[in-house]
Protein backbone atom coordinates (compact mmCIF):
# COMPACT_ATOMS: atom_id res chain seq x y z
CA MET A 1 29.83 -60.66 0.96
CA GLU A 2 32.48 -60.11 3.58
CA GLN A 3 34.96 -62.96 3.44
CA GLY A 4 34.16 -65.70 5.92
CA LEU A 5 30.51 -64.74 6.47
CA THR A 6 27.74 -67.18 5.71
CA ALA A 7 24.67 -66.10 3.78
CA GLY A 8 22.73 -66.24 7.05
CA GLU A 9 25.19 -63.92 8.78
CA VAL A 10 24.99 -61.46 5.90
CA LEU A 11 21.21 -61.52 6.12
CA VAL A 12 21.19 -61.01 9.91
CA ARG A 13 23.54 -58.02 9.58
CA ALA A 14 21.45 -56.42 6.82
CA ARG A 15 18.18 -56.97 8.69
CA ARG A 16 19.52 -55.66 12.00
CA ALA A 17 21.14 -52.64 10.33
CA ALA A 18 17.70 -51.79 8.93
CA GLY A 19 16.07 -52.30 12.33
CA LEU A 20 13.69 -54.93 10.95
CA THR A 21 12.25 -58.07 12.45
CA GLN A 22 12.39 -61.30 10.46
CA ARG A 23 8.68 -60.96 9.77
CA GLU A 24 9.04 -57.37 8.51
CA LEU A 25 11.90 -58.34 6.22
CA ALA A 26 9.94 -61.32 4.94
CA ARG A 27 6.94 -59.12 4.12
CA ARG A 28 9.12 -56.63 2.25
CA ALA A 29 10.84 -59.40 0.30
CA GLY A 30 7.69 -61.36 -0.46
CA THR A 31 8.56 -64.50 1.51
CA SER A 32 7.69 -65.99 4.89
CA GLY A 33 9.19 -65.25 8.27
CA ALA A 34 9.95 -68.94 8.68
CA THR A 35 12.01 -68.89 5.48
CA VAL A 36 14.00 -65.84 6.63
CA ALA A 37 14.58 -67.55 10.00
CA ALA A 38 15.78 -70.74 8.26
CA TYR A 39 18.23 -68.75 6.13
CA GLU A 40 19.55 -66.83 9.13
CA ARG A 41 20.05 -70.00 11.17
CA GLY A 42 21.75 -71.80 8.29
CA ARG A 43 19.08 -74.51 8.01
CA LYS A 44 18.48 -73.42 4.41
CA GLU A 45 20.92 -71.80 1.98
CA PRO A 46 19.42 -69.05 -0.21
CA ARG A 47 20.31 -68.72 -3.87
CA LEU A 48 22.41 -65.65 -4.62
CA SER A 49 19.45 -63.99 -6.33
CA THR A 50 17.30 -64.63 -3.22
CA LEU A 51 19.98 -63.27 -0.91
CA GLN A 52 20.24 -60.18 -3.14
CA ARG A 53 16.46 -59.68 -2.96
CA LEU A 54 16.45 -60.01 0.85
CA VAL A 55 19.38 -57.64 1.35
CA ASP A 56 17.75 -55.16 -1.06
CA ALA A 57 14.48 -55.43 0.89
CA ALA A 58 16.42 -54.54 4.05
CA GLY A 59 17.74 -51.44 2.29
CA GLY A 60 21.25 -52.85 2.06
CA ARG A 61 23.59 -53.25 -0.87
CA PHE A 62 24.64 -56.73 -1.90
CA ALA A 63 28.00 -56.92 -3.67
CA LEU A 64 29.38 -60.15 -5.05
CA SER A 65 33.14 -60.39 -4.87
CA VAL A 66 35.26 -62.95 -6.58
CA ALA A 67 37.52 -64.60 -4.03
CA GLY A 68 38.09 -67.88 -2.32
CA ASP A 69 40.23 -70.94 -2.22
CA GLU A 70 41.64 -72.05 -5.52
CA PRO A 71 40.52 -75.55 -6.52
CA GLN A 72 43.04 -77.88 -8.03
CA PRO A 73 42.84 -78.24 -11.83
CA ALA A 74 41.66 -81.83 -11.35
CA GLU A 75 38.52 -80.44 -9.67
CA LEU A 76 37.56 -78.44 -12.76
CA THR A 77 34.88 -79.93 -14.95
CA SER A 78 35.22 -80.03 -18.70
CA GLY A 79 32.79 -77.13 -18.86
CA ASP A 80 34.89 -75.16 -16.35
CA ARG A 81 38.03 -75.76 -18.42
CA TRP A 82 36.22 -74.65 -21.60
CA SER A 83 34.87 -71.52 -19.92
CA LEU A 84 38.31 -70.70 -18.52
CA ALA A 85 39.94 -71.08 -21.96
CA LEU A 86 37.30 -68.87 -23.54
CA HIS A 87 37.63 -66.19 -20.87
CA ARG A 88 41.42 -66.23 -21.17
CA ALA A 89 40.89 -65.42 -24.86
CA VAL A 90 38.56 -62.60 -23.77
CA LEU A 91 41.35 -61.35 -21.50
CA ARG A 92 43.77 -61.25 -24.43
CA ARG A 93 41.25 -59.12 -26.35
CA LEU A 94 40.75 -56.94 -23.27
CA VAL A 95 44.49 -56.26 -23.08
CA ASP A 96 44.58 -55.36 -26.81
CA GLU A 97 41.35 -53.32 -26.93
CA PRO A 98 40.24 -52.48 -23.38
CA ASP A 99 37.71 -49.79 -24.26
CA ALA A 100 36.07 -51.76 -27.07
CA VAL A 101 35.81 -54.98 -25.03
CA ARG A 102 34.40 -53.20 -21.97
CA ALA A 103 31.90 -51.27 -24.11
CA ARG A 104 30.69 -54.42 -25.87
CA ALA A 105 30.38 -56.33 -22.60
CA LEU A 106 28.43 -53.47 -20.99
CA ARG A 107 26.04 -53.44 -23.97
CA ASN A 108 25.64 -57.20 -23.55
CA VAL A 109 24.90 -56.75 -19.83
CA ALA A 110 22.16 -54.24 -20.70
CA THR A 111 20.70 -56.61 -23.30
CA MET A 112 20.80 -59.54 -20.87
CA ARG A 113 18.99 -57.45 -18.23
CA ARG A 114 16.21 -56.55 -20.68
CA SER A 115 15.75 -60.07 -22.00
CA GLY A 116 16.21 -62.02 -18.76
CA ASP A 117 13.81 -63.01 -16.02
CA GLY A 118 15.87 -61.41 -13.27
CA SER A 119 17.37 -64.64 -11.95
CA ALA A 120 20.84 -63.62 -13.20
CA ARG A 121 20.62 -60.11 -11.73
CA VAL A 122 23.26 -60.64 -9.06
CA TYR A 123 25.74 -61.85 -11.69
CA LEU A 124 24.91 -59.05 -14.11
CA ASP A 125 25.33 -56.52 -11.30
CA ALA A 126 28.73 -58.05 -10.50
CA TRP A 127 29.82 -57.91 -14.15
CA ASP A 128 28.62 -54.30 -14.42
CA ARG A 129 30.75 -53.29 -11.41
CA LEU A 130 33.76 -55.24 -12.68
CA LEU A 131 33.54 -53.78 -16.18
CA ARG A 132 33.34 -50.21 -14.84
CA GLY A 133 36.08 -50.67 -12.24
CA PRO A 134 39.82 -51.26 -12.18
CA LEU A 135 41.36 -53.96 -14.36
CA GLU A 136 42.72 -56.26 -11.62
CA PRO A 137 39.36 -57.50 -10.24
CA LEU A 138 38.09 -57.99 -13.80
CA VAL A 139 41.15 -60.08 -14.66
CA ALA A 140 40.55 -62.17 -11.54
CA ALA A 141 36.92 -62.78 -12.54
CA LEU A 142 38.04 -63.90 -15.99
CA THR A 143 40.78 -66.25 -14.81
CA ALA A 144 40.31 -67.31 -11.17
CA LEU A 145 39.63 -70.96 -10.42
CA ASP A 146 37.51 -70.50 -7.29
CA HIS A 147 33.85 -71.48 -7.30
CA GLU A 148 32.52 -67.93 -7.25
CA ALA A 149 34.48 -66.91 -10.35
CA ARG A 150 33.47 -70.13 -12.11
CA ASP A 151 29.81 -69.43 -11.30
CA LEU A 152 30.12 -65.82 -12.43
CA ARG A 153 31.58 -66.87 -15.79
CA GLN A 154 28.48 -68.98 -16.46
CA VAL A 155 26.61 -65.71 -17.00
CA THR A 156 29.18 -64.12 -19.29
CA PRO A 157 28.64 -60.77 -20.99
CA PHE A 158 31.44 -61.35 -23.49
CA ALA A 159 29.45 -62.73 -26.43
CA GLY A 160 31.00 -61.56 -29.68
CA VAL A 161 34.34 -60.53 -28.14
CA VAL A 162 36.23 -63.59 -29.40
CA PRO A 163 35.88 -63.92 -33.19
CA PRO A 164 34.15 -67.11 -34.43
CA ARG A 165 37.28 -68.64 -35.98
CA GLU A 166 39.33 -68.17 -32.82
CA ARG A 167 36.44 -69.54 -30.75
CA TRP A 168 36.26 -72.62 -33.01
CA ASP A 169 40.02 -73.17 -32.66
CA LEU A 170 39.71 -72.93 -28.87
CA LEU A 171 36.82 -75.41 -28.87
CA ARG A 172 38.73 -77.85 -31.07
CA ALA A 173 41.79 -77.64 -28.80
CA HIS A 174 39.58 -78.13 -25.74
CA ARG A 175 37.90 -81.18 -27.22
CA GLU A 176 41.22 -82.69 -28.25
CA GLU A 177 42.55 -82.11 -24.75
CA SER A 178 39.44 -83.76 -23.36
CA GLY A 179 40.01 -86.77 -25.61
CA ARG A 180 36.97 -86.25 -27.81
CA CYS A 181 36.85 -86.60 -31.57
CA VAL A 182 36.38 -83.36 -33.45
CA ALA A 183 35.18 -83.07 -37.00
CA THR A 184 37.15 -80.55 -39.00
CA SER A 185 35.38 -77.69 -40.63
CA SER A 186 36.42 -75.77 -43.73
CA SER A 187 34.12 -72.84 -42.97
CA THR A 188 35.44 -69.75 -41.24
């Protein structure tokens, strides 16, 4: 999405570029004209997967970019802090073994596409582009604090990149930082 545009503005641009009425776009996307109108007027906010489907139906290309205002660390949830720590570990692996990490993540994206219901498609498409592109946007997706990057990391293709022992150590450190008790484990 172009920075500063609402979902409704993106939808209006895609529909008009295709020369479609709201009703025609709704028919193509399998929804109602009233729903398209509500999205375009900002009365309803579509999910990213819905926006992707509508833009696709208009013949456009929906690209998710990771950008936005940085929240303060106090705004991060415990889950956000855990995800950020894990993805920073992924970044360290990416620096050490860029080809292997990208290849594994791309295989994971393909597996997630086959096994999913399609609701994560917009995120998987974003990861696919990031993994095949330059390093800087990928690093931003792994480490940025904005809401879009945090949402993107919830559908992570990096399973298996961080070894289990390192992952356990990260989790233990995260729990200790969060003030929780952690049972020690002698297994590796």
